[in-house]
Every structure is written in C-alpha cells, then in structure tokens.
N, C-alpha and C. Protein backbone atom coordinates (compact mmCIF):
# COMPACT_ATOMS: atom_id res chain seq x y z
N UNK A 1 115.04 131.82 132.04
CA UNK A 1 113.80 131.11 131.76
C UNK A 1 114.03 129.63 132.05
N UNK A 2 113.11 129.03 132.81
CA UNK A 2 113.27 127.61 133.14
C UNK A 2 112.98 126.74 131.92
N UNK A 3 113.46 125.50 131.99
CA UNK A 3 113.26 124.59 130.85
C UNK A 3 111.78 124.29 130.63
N UNK A 4 110.94 124.44 131.67
CA UNK A 4 109.51 124.20 131.51
C UNK A 4 108.84 125.31 130.71
N UNK A 5 109.47 126.46 130.59
CA UNK A 5 108.88 127.59 129.88
C UNK A 5 109.45 127.77 128.48
N UNK A 6 110.41 126.96 128.12
CA UNK A 6 111.03 127.13 126.81
C UNK A 6 110.99 125.82 126.03
N UNK A 7 111.05 125.95 124.73
CA UNK A 7 111.09 124.79 123.86
C UNK A 7 112.47 124.18 123.91
N UNK A 8 112.53 122.86 123.86
CA UNK A 8 113.78 122.11 123.88
C UNK A 8 113.91 121.35 122.56
N UNK A 9 115.14 121.09 122.14
CA UNK A 9 115.37 120.41 120.86
C UNK A 9 116.23 119.16 121.06
N UNK A 10 115.86 118.11 120.33
CA UNK A 10 116.62 116.87 120.31
C UNK A 10 116.77 116.42 118.86
N UNK A 11 117.81 115.65 118.63
CA UNK A 11 117.97 115.03 117.31
C UNK A 11 118.37 113.57 117.52
N UNK A 12 117.65 112.69 116.84
CA UNK A 12 117.98 111.27 116.84
C UNK A 12 118.90 111.00 115.66
N UNK A 13 119.87 110.11 115.87
CA UNK A 13 120.86 109.79 114.84
C UNK A 13 120.85 108.29 114.57
N UNK A 14 120.85 107.95 113.30
CA UNK A 14 121.02 106.56 112.85
C UNK A 14 122.38 106.47 112.18
N UNK A 15 123.22 105.56 112.68
CA UNK A 15 124.56 105.39 112.12
C UNK A 15 124.53 104.53 110.86
N UNK A 16 125.54 104.71 110.02
CA UNK A 16 125.75 103.83 108.87
C UNK A 16 126.32 102.50 109.36
N UNK A 17 126.12 101.42 108.59
CA UNK A 17 126.71 100.13 108.96
C UNK A 17 128.23 100.26 109.12
N UNK A 18 128.77 99.60 110.13
CA UNK A 18 130.21 99.60 110.35
C UNK A 18 130.74 100.80 111.11
N UNK A 19 129.85 101.63 111.64
CA UNK A 19 130.28 102.82 112.37
C UNK A 19 131.08 102.42 113.61
N UNK A 20 132.25 103.05 113.84
CA UNK A 20 133.02 102.75 115.05
C UNK A 20 132.31 103.31 116.29
N UNK A 21 132.59 102.72 117.44
CA UNK A 21 131.94 103.15 118.68
C UNK A 21 132.35 104.55 119.11
N UNK A 22 133.35 105.11 118.48
CA UNK A 22 133.84 106.45 118.83
C UNK A 22 133.30 107.55 117.91
N UNK A 23 132.38 107.22 117.02
CA UNK A 23 131.92 108.17 116.00
C UNK A 23 131.28 109.42 116.60
N UNK A 24 130.70 109.31 117.78
CA UNK A 24 130.02 110.43 118.42
C UNK A 24 130.99 111.42 119.08
N UNK A 25 132.25 111.04 119.26
CA UNK A 25 133.17 111.83 120.06
C UNK A 25 133.45 113.24 119.53
N UNK A 26 133.25 113.47 118.23
CA UNK A 26 133.52 114.82 117.72
C UNK A 26 132.48 115.82 118.22
N UNK A 27 131.35 115.36 118.79
CA UNK A 27 130.36 116.28 119.37
C UNK A 27 130.63 116.54 120.85
N UNK A 28 131.49 115.74 121.48
CA UNK A 28 131.80 115.92 122.89
C UNK A 28 132.49 117.27 123.09
N UNK A 29 131.94 118.09 123.97
CA UNK A 29 132.51 119.41 124.21
C UNK A 29 131.93 120.51 123.33
N UNK A 30 131.08 120.16 122.38
CA UNK A 30 130.45 121.16 121.52
C UNK A 30 129.41 121.91 122.36
N UNK A 31 129.48 123.24 122.43
CA UNK A 31 128.55 124.00 123.28
C UNK A 31 127.09 123.88 122.85
N UNK A 32 126.83 123.45 121.65
CA UNK A 32 125.45 123.26 121.19
C UNK A 32 124.84 121.94 121.68
N UNK A 33 125.67 121.02 122.18
CA UNK A 33 125.19 119.72 122.64
C UNK A 33 125.14 119.73 124.17
N UNK A 34 123.90 119.70 124.70
CA UNK A 34 123.69 119.70 126.15
C UNK A 34 123.83 118.31 126.75
N UNK A 35 123.58 117.28 125.96
CA UNK A 35 123.67 115.91 126.44
C UNK A 35 123.58 114.94 125.29
N UNK A 36 124.08 113.72 125.51
CA UNK A 36 124.07 112.69 124.47
C UNK A 36 123.76 111.35 125.12
N UNK A 37 122.92 110.56 124.44
CA UNK A 37 122.52 109.26 124.94
C UNK A 37 122.66 108.21 123.84
N UNK A 38 123.07 107.02 124.23
CA UNK A 38 122.98 105.87 123.34
C UNK A 38 121.56 105.33 123.50
N UNK A 39 120.93 104.90 122.42
CA UNK A 39 119.54 104.46 122.50
C UNK A 39 119.36 103.08 121.86
N UNK A 40 118.26 102.45 122.21
CA UNK A 40 117.86 101.17 121.61
C UNK A 40 116.71 101.43 120.66
N UNK A 41 116.50 100.55 119.73
CA UNK A 41 115.37 100.69 118.81
C UNK A 41 115.80 101.18 117.45
N UNK A 42 114.96 102.02 116.85
CA UNK A 42 115.20 102.48 115.48
C UNK A 42 116.37 103.45 115.35
N UNK A 43 116.72 104.13 116.44
CA UNK A 43 117.78 105.14 116.41
C UNK A 43 118.94 104.69 117.27
N UNK A 44 120.14 105.17 116.96
CA UNK A 44 121.33 104.73 117.68
C UNK A 44 121.76 105.68 118.79
N UNK A 45 121.46 106.96 118.63
CA UNK A 45 121.77 107.90 119.70
C UNK A 45 120.83 109.10 119.62
N UNK A 46 120.76 109.84 120.73
CA UNK A 46 119.94 111.05 120.81
C UNK A 46 120.79 112.15 121.43
N UNK A 47 120.74 113.32 120.79
CA UNK A 47 121.46 114.49 121.28
C UNK A 47 120.45 115.54 121.73
N UNK A 48 120.68 116.12 122.90
CA UNK A 48 119.87 117.23 123.42
C UNK A 48 120.64 118.49 123.08
N UNK A 49 120.01 119.40 122.37
CA UNK A 49 120.73 120.54 121.80
C UNK A 49 120.40 121.86 122.48
N UNK A 50 121.37 122.74 122.50
CA UNK A 50 121.25 124.09 123.02
C UNK A 50 121.03 125.03 121.84
N UNK A 51 119.80 125.07 121.35
CA UNK A 51 119.43 125.95 120.24
C UNK A 51 118.14 126.67 120.61
N UNK A 52 117.91 127.82 119.99
CA UNK A 52 116.76 128.64 120.35
C UNK A 52 115.64 128.65 119.33
N UNK A 53 115.93 128.32 118.08
CA UNK A 53 114.92 128.40 117.03
C UNK A 53 114.99 127.16 116.13
N UNK A 54 113.90 126.88 115.43
CA UNK A 54 113.94 125.76 114.47
C UNK A 54 115.02 125.96 113.39
N UNK A 55 115.23 127.19 112.95
CA UNK A 55 116.28 127.44 111.95
C UNK A 55 117.66 127.13 112.51
N UNK A 56 117.91 127.50 113.75
CA UNK A 56 119.20 127.21 114.38
C UNK A 56 119.38 125.70 114.53
N UNK A 57 118.31 124.99 114.86
CA UNK A 57 118.36 123.53 114.95
C UNK A 57 118.73 122.91 113.61
N UNK A 58 118.03 123.28 112.56
CA UNK A 58 118.30 122.71 111.25
C UNK A 58 119.70 123.06 110.76
N UNK A 59 120.14 124.26 111.04
CA UNK A 59 121.49 124.68 110.66
C UNK A 59 122.53 123.79 111.34
N UNK A 60 122.35 123.54 112.63
CA UNK A 60 123.29 122.70 113.37
C UNK A 60 123.25 121.25 112.86
N UNK A 61 122.05 120.74 112.61
CA UNK A 61 121.93 119.36 112.11
C UNK A 61 122.68 119.20 110.80
N UNK A 62 122.48 120.12 109.86
CA UNK A 62 123.09 119.97 108.54
C UNK A 62 124.56 120.33 108.50
N UNK A 63 125.00 121.28 109.31
CA UNK A 63 126.40 121.72 109.25
C UNK A 63 127.31 121.00 110.24
N UNK A 64 126.76 120.43 111.31
CA UNK A 64 127.59 119.77 112.31
C UNK A 64 127.32 118.27 112.42
N UNK A 65 126.07 117.90 112.55
CA UNK A 65 125.76 116.49 112.76
C UNK A 65 125.91 115.69 111.48
N UNK A 66 125.28 116.14 110.42
CA UNK A 66 125.31 115.36 109.17
C UNK A 66 126.66 115.42 108.45
N UNK A 67 127.54 116.30 108.86
CA UNK A 67 128.87 116.29 108.24
C UNK A 67 129.73 115.15 108.80
N UNK A 68 129.29 114.53 109.90
CA UNK A 68 129.96 113.35 110.43
C UNK A 68 129.78 112.23 109.41
N UNK A 69 130.89 111.68 108.93
CA UNK A 69 130.85 110.69 107.85
C UNK A 69 130.05 109.43 108.20
N UNK A 70 129.81 109.17 109.47
CA UNK A 70 129.13 107.95 109.89
C UNK A 70 127.62 108.12 110.06
N UNK A 71 127.11 109.35 109.96
CA UNK A 71 125.67 109.59 110.12
C UNK A 71 124.92 109.17 108.86
N UNK A 72 123.94 108.31 109.03
CA UNK A 72 123.11 107.87 107.92
C UNK A 72 121.89 108.78 107.78
N UNK A 73 121.17 108.99 108.88
CA UNK A 73 119.97 109.83 108.84
C UNK A 73 119.72 110.43 110.22
N UNK A 74 118.89 111.46 110.25
CA UNK A 74 118.55 112.13 111.51
C UNK A 74 117.05 112.42 111.55
N UNK A 75 116.58 112.64 112.76
CA UNK A 75 115.19 113.06 112.98
C UNK A 75 115.20 114.07 114.11
N UNK A 76 114.59 115.22 113.91
CA UNK A 76 114.60 116.27 114.93
C UNK A 76 113.27 116.33 115.66
N UNK A 77 113.34 116.83 116.91
CA UNK A 77 112.16 116.96 117.77
C UNK A 77 112.22 118.28 118.53
N UNK A 78 111.08 118.93 118.64
CA UNK A 78 110.90 120.10 119.51
C UNK A 78 109.87 119.72 120.55
N UNK A 79 110.10 120.07 121.80
CA UNK A 79 109.13 119.77 122.85
C UNK A 79 109.18 120.84 123.93
N UNK A 80 108.03 121.06 124.55
CA UNK A 80 107.91 121.99 125.67
C UNK A 80 107.27 121.21 126.82
N UNK A 81 107.93 121.22 127.97
CA UNK A 81 107.46 120.44 129.11
C UNK A 81 106.18 121.05 129.70
N UNK A 82 105.17 120.21 129.92
CA UNK A 82 103.92 120.65 130.53
C UNK A 82 103.98 120.58 132.05
N UNK A 83 104.52 119.49 132.59
CA UNK A 83 104.61 119.33 134.05
C UNK A 83 105.76 118.45 134.40
C-alpha cells in the first residue's frame, strides 16, 4: 500500500532544559522510527513513525519516547496524504 493510501504517524518532542544534543540518539536504528528531524518553534524534534494503529502509536510514545529522561512532553499526529 502506498503512503498516499495509508495513515502516517508523527510525534513532536519538547526537550527538558539542559538536554544534551545527543539525547535523540537512542532512537537511531529503532525500526519504529522512519525518520527524525530537528525543528524550530514550539517543538524541538519530530519523529516519523512506522506504526499501523493509534494504539500502537500511543504504546510506542509512552514506552519508548517518554522513557527518555530528557523528554518533557510530546504531541502526536495522524495524517493521510490527499495529493
């Protein structure tokens, strides 16, 4: 199934004050993470996730992302490409 026909998931991450620049490295190589970006604005990074359901997304956020000691808060997104 092409990405235009399936829902995609992202999670925005806000770091705690004093977070080292290497805090994201424990997600590098994780098969659930399709891509990672540093961002400007209200959030510090965005992860594109390889998950199939909202429950799988929330499970990954709480068991993998939020267990990182430097994560302050997260925001999840589901989107389906129109064109």
